[in-house]
Structures are given as structure tokens and as C-alpha cells.
Amino acid sequence: MNPKTTALVLIEYQNDFTSEGGALHAAVKPVMESTNMLPNTVETVRRAREAGVTVIHVPITFAPDYRELGAQIYGILQGARDGSSFRKGTWGAEIVDDLKPDKNDIVVEGKRGLDGFATTNLDFILRSKKIDTIVLGGFLTNCCVESTMRTGYELGYNVITLKDCAAAVSEEAHRGAIQHDFPMFSHPMSHQEFLAALSEKEPVAVV
């Protein structure tokens, strides 16, 4: 794995999910704790930066009145609106302090739905930096992480999903995505497996 052509893509590590008092934190807290998600991600980010991996944050934000979502909203996005979550300019929409973007990180703007590619310039950024491998972690395992994984696969990226750097609203949903969907569209790994692969050196040819 070449760090220079690898990007660690962090999906929605925002206070409304990650932190006590966040609008959706209570729903994801049990799975966060069971996977040790946040500490695992902090370690992964630190070591990935040291190795020269590009770190990309993909938060989701909405205008205070959620005008981007239109009148026919339903499902998971209706839940975001009904819970008044991820509103621009609020503490809940901010990236959690433990993962504040470094000066060399990239923060992708424009995510309004589930797929990290759909309404953003993520694909343009990755291609302009000649990235061929994307490593995904974040919220929700079976929603935005899975949607981004599927599109990354379709676009031809080598996709790695970090099983212990993701969380959902239930163990069943989290486990189901990892066991049944992730292997179809990615290489599922623990964060330790990814870091081990990242640290492997190319064999030196003996002449």
C-alpha cells in the first residue's frame, strides 16, 4: 500500500454523532463504545498522517431551515431534520475536537445526503491528487459509510473499510453491513490491519 496514493476518508465525525450532548449521540453511543471507534480513529489518523496518507474529512451540513432537502423529505434525512442536527454554524455540526483537521488535511464541502461523492467534489480531489486507494470510517456504518463505499467501488477506487472505526444505531445494523455488504464492495479491515499494511515496505530487489 502506497501512502502517497492513499486517502483516509473520515465521514461525519461531528459532535452531533460523536459527543455527549450531540443530537444523535445517544443513538450511536453503544456501538461507538463496543467498537472503540473514536480512539481507534484517532490512532489511525495520527499514524496515517505520519506515513504521508492524505486525510480527508467529509462532514454533512444543512442550512438552519434545511432548505436543501426540499418538501418531500423522508427516511434518514427526515430524521436529521427532525432532530435539528448538523446545522451550519452550530457546535453539533463541528468536527469533534479529537479529530480537528490538521493544516494539511482536506475538508470536503457540500455533503447533503448519504453518499460522500454525490453532492461534493470528493472524486475530483482524489483524482487530482492521484489517489487510487480510499480508506473509509465514520457514521453510519450501514448508511453514509456504505453509500460512499459502493460509489467508490463503482468509480474504480481500491476501497478499504475500517470495521472498528464505524458505528451505527444498533449492533445488528453495524454487524449486518460489515458481514454482508462490506465484503462485496471493499476490503474490510480492522484499523490495526490497515496500519500494519501501511507500514509494510516494498521488498528491495537483489541484483
Protein backbone atom coordinates (compact mmCIF):
# COMPACT_ATOMS: atom_id res chain seq x y z
CA MET A 1 0.00 0.00 0.00
CA ASN A 2 1.47 3.31 -1.10
CA PRO A 3 0.72 6.14 1.39
CA LYS A 4 1.15 8.72 -1.35
CA THR A 5 -1.76 7.30 -3.34
CA THR A 6 -3.95 6.51 -0.31
CA ALA A 7 -6.59 8.74 1.30
CA LEU A 8 -8.20 8.24 4.69
CA VAL A 9 -11.78 9.48 4.31
CA LEU A 10 -13.50 10.41 7.59
CA ILE A 11 -17.27 10.60 7.27
CA GLU A 12 -19.28 12.78 9.66
CA TYR A 13 -17.08 12.71 12.76
CA GLN A 14 -19.16 15.63 14.03
CA ASN A 15 -20.34 16.46 17.52
CA ASP A 16 -23.96 15.59 16.81
CA PHE A 17 -22.75 11.99 16.42
CA THR A 18 -19.55 11.78 18.44
CA SER A 19 -20.08 13.81 21.59
CA GLU A 20 -22.22 13.90 24.72
CA GLY A 21 -24.99 16.41 24.10
CA GLY A 22 -24.96 15.80 20.35
CA ALA A 23 -28.39 15.43 18.78
CA LEU A 24 -27.76 11.85 17.62
CA HIS A 25 -25.07 10.74 20.05
CA ALA A 26 -27.33 8.64 22.27
CA ALA A 27 -28.37 6.56 19.26
CA VAL A 28 -24.82 5.65 18.22
CA LYS A 29 -23.06 5.66 21.60
CA PRO A 30 -23.48 1.91 22.34
CA VAL A 31 -21.88 0.86 19.06
CA MET A 32 -19.19 3.54 19.34
CA GLU A 33 -18.23 2.10 22.69
CA SER A 34 -18.38 -1.52 21.56
CA THR A 35 -16.03 -0.89 18.63
CA ASN A 36 -13.85 1.68 20.45
CA MET A 37 -14.48 3.71 17.36
CA LEU A 38 -13.24 7.16 18.28
CA PRO A 39 -9.91 6.16 19.91
CA ASN A 40 -9.26 3.75 17.04
CA THR A 41 -9.85 6.53 14.53
CA VAL A 42 -7.64 8.98 16.41
CA GLU A 43 -4.78 6.47 16.35
CA THR A 44 -5.37 5.71 12.67
CA VAL A 45 -5.35 9.39 11.71
CA ARG A 46 -2.17 10.11 13.66
CA ARG A 47 -0.25 7.26 12.11
CA ALA A 48 -1.68 7.81 8.65
CA ARG A 49 -0.55 11.44 8.71
CA GLU A 50 2.91 10.36 9.83
CA ALA A 51 3.08 7.94 6.90
CA GLY A 52 2.06 10.60 4.37
CA VAL A 53 -1.53 9.50 3.76
CA THR A 54 -3.94 12.23 2.65
CA VAL A 55 -6.59 12.79 5.34
CA ILE A 56 -9.97 13.96 4.06
CA HIS A 57 -12.92 15.00 6.25
CA VAL A 58 -16.42 14.70 4.80
CA PRO A 59 -18.90 16.39 7.17
CA ILE A 60 -22.58 16.89 6.41
CA THR A 61 -24.21 20.27 7.00
CA PHE A 62 -27.52 21.97 6.32
CA ALA A 63 -28.93 25.48 6.40
CA PRO A 64 -30.86 26.18 9.62
CA ASP A 65 -34.18 25.63 7.81
CA TYR A 66 -32.92 22.56 5.88
CA ARG A 67 -33.94 24.20 2.62
CA GLU A 68 -31.57 21.91 0.69
CA LEU A 69 -33.79 18.91 1.40
CA GLY A 70 -36.99 20.12 -0.22
CA ALA A 71 -40.58 19.31 0.68
CA GLN A 72 -40.65 15.55 0.08
CA ILE A 73 -38.02 14.57 2.63
CA TYR A 74 -38.36 11.14 4.29
CA GLY A 75 -36.27 8.43 5.87
CA ILE A 76 -32.86 9.09 7.41
CA LEU A 77 -32.67 12.70 6.21
CA GLN A 78 -36.05 13.44 7.75
CA GLY A 79 -34.58 12.13 10.99
CA ALA A 80 -31.69 14.58 10.67
CA ARG A 81 -34.08 17.47 10.17
CA ASP A 82 -36.49 16.41 12.91
CA GLY A 83 -33.57 16.14 15.32
CA SER A 84 -32.23 19.58 14.31
CA SER A 85 -28.84 18.03 13.65
CA PHE A 86 -25.86 19.16 11.55
CA ARG A 87 -26.99 22.77 11.17
CA LYS A 88 -24.31 25.05 9.79
CA GLY A 89 -22.64 27.24 12.39
CA THR A 90 -23.66 25.09 15.36
CA TRP A 91 -21.48 23.10 17.75
CA GLY A 92 -23.24 19.92 16.63
CA ALA A 93 -22.05 20.35 13.05
CA GLU A 94 -18.41 20.91 14.05
CA ILE A 95 -15.86 18.14 13.64
CA VAL A 96 -15.08 16.62 17.05
CA ASP A 97 -12.06 18.17 18.79
CA ASP A 98 -10.19 14.84 18.86
CA LEU A 99 -10.12 14.87 15.06
CA LYS A 100 -9.83 18.56 14.26
CA PRO A 101 -8.42 18.92 10.75
CA ASP A 102 -4.68 19.40 10.51
CA LYS A 103 -3.30 22.17 8.29
CA ASN A 104 -2.57 19.58 5.60
CA ASP A 105 -5.96 17.85 5.79
CA ILE A 106 -8.72 18.46 3.28
CA VAL A 107 -12.29 19.27 4.33
CA VAL A 108 -14.83 18.44 1.62
CA GLU A 109 -17.79 20.82 1.37
CA GLY A 110 -21.29 20.16 0.12
CA LYS A 111 -22.34 16.82 1.56
CA ARG A 112 -26.13 16.96 1.89
CA GLY A 113 -27.06 13.31 1.57
CA LEU A 114 -25.71 9.83 2.23
CA ASP A 115 -23.04 9.31 -0.42
CA GLY A 116 -19.82 11.22 0.18
CA PHE A 117 -19.35 11.56 -3.59
CA ALA A 118 -22.85 12.54 -4.71
CA THR A 119 -23.01 16.28 -4.00
CA THR A 120 -19.32 17.02 -3.38
CA ASN A 121 -16.04 17.35 -5.29
CA LEU A 122 -14.54 14.34 -3.48
CA ASP A 123 -13.88 12.44 -6.70
CA PHE A 124 -12.19 15.48 -8.27
CA ILE A 125 -9.95 15.91 -5.22
CA LEU A 126 -8.95 12.25 -5.17
CA ARG A 127 -8.17 12.15 -8.90
CA SER A 128 -6.26 15.44 -8.84
CA LYS A 129 -4.05 14.01 -6.08
CA LYS A 130 -3.69 10.71 -7.99
CA ILE A 131 -5.30 8.73 -5.16
CA ASP A 132 -6.18 5.15 -6.04
CA THR A 133 -7.00 3.75 -2.57
CA ILE A 134 -9.62 5.15 -0.21
CA VAL A 135 -9.95 4.05 3.41
CA LEU A 136 -13.36 4.74 4.97
CA GLY A 137 -14.51 5.25 8.54
CA GLY A 138 -17.36 7.12 10.16
CA PHE A 139 -21.13 7.25 10.52
CA LEU A 140 -23.35 5.42 9.92
CA THR A 141 -21.85 2.06 9.09
CA ASN A 142 -24.87 0.95 7.05
CA CYS A 143 -25.72 4.36 5.67
CA CYS A 144 -23.17 7.02 4.68
CA VAL A 145 -20.11 4.77 5.01
CA GLU A 146 -21.79 2.06 2.96
CA SER A 147 -23.10 4.51 0.34
CA THR A 148 -19.66 6.07 -0.11
CA MET A 149 -18.08 2.61 -0.26
CA ARG A 150 -20.41 1.49 -3.05
CA THR A 151 -19.76 4.57 -5.17
CA GLY A 152 -16.01 4.37 -4.58
CA TYR A 153 -16.13 0.78 -5.80
CA GLU A 154 -18.13 1.77 -8.91
CA LEU A 155 -15.68 4.60 -9.66
CA GLY A 156 -12.77 2.18 -9.68
CA TYR A 157 -11.04 3.01 -6.41
CA ASN A 158 -9.45 0.36 -4.25
CA VAL A 159 -11.78 0.64 -1.25
CA ILE A 160 -10.87 -0.33 2.31
CA THR A 161 -13.47 -0.12 5.08
CA LEU A 162 -12.39 0.09 8.72
CA LYS A 163 -14.67 -2.21 10.70
CA ASP A 164 -13.72 -0.77 14.10
CA CYS A 165 -13.79 2.88 13.00
CA ALA A 166 -17.51 2.95 12.23
CA ALA A 167 -20.77 2.96 14.16
CA ALA A 168 -24.50 2.60 13.54
CA VAL A 169 -27.65 2.97 15.62
CA SER A 170 -27.65 -0.72 16.55
CA GLU A 171 -25.21 -3.62 16.79
CA GLU A 172 -27.42 -5.53 14.37
CA ALA A 173 -27.22 -2.83 11.70
CA HIS A 174 -23.47 -2.38 12.19
CA ARG A 175 -22.71 -6.10 12.11
CA GLY A 176 -25.02 -6.77 9.16
CA ALA A 177 -23.29 -4.16 6.99
CA ILE A 178 -19.83 -5.44 7.88
CA GLN A 179 -20.64 -9.11 7.41
CA HIS A 180 -22.83 -8.97 4.32
CA ASP A 181 -22.25 -5.75 2.38
CA PHE A 182 -18.69 -4.56 3.06
CA PRO A 183 -17.02 -7.68 1.59
CA MET A 184 -18.91 -7.20 -1.70
CA PHE A 185 -17.62 -3.68 -2.34
CA SER A 186 -14.44 -3.28 -0.27
CA HIS A 187 -11.63 -4.89 1.67
CA PRO A 188 -12.91 -4.83 5.28
CA MET A 189 -10.10 -4.44 7.82
CA SER A 190 -9.59 -3.54 11.43
CA HIS A 191 -7.68 -0.31 11.91
CA GLN A 192 -4.70 -2.34 13.12
CA GLU A 193 -4.71 -4.44 9.95
CA PHE A 194 -4.76 -1.27 7.85
CA LEU A 195 -1.91 0.31 9.80
CA ALA A 196 0.12 -2.88 9.50
CA ALA A 197 -0.40 -2.91 5.73
CA LEU A 198 0.51 0.76 5.58
CA SER A 199 3.81 0.18 7.35
CA GLU A 200 4.89 -2.69 5.11
CA LYS A 201 7.86 -1.80 2.94
CA GLU A 202 8.37 -2.73 -0.67
CA PRO A 203 10.87 -5.58 -0.94
CA VAL A 204 14.28 -4.46 -2.16
CA ALA A 205 15.38 -6.21 -5.33
CA VAL A 206 18.63 -8.09 -5.02
CA VAL A 207 20.76 -7.80 -8.16
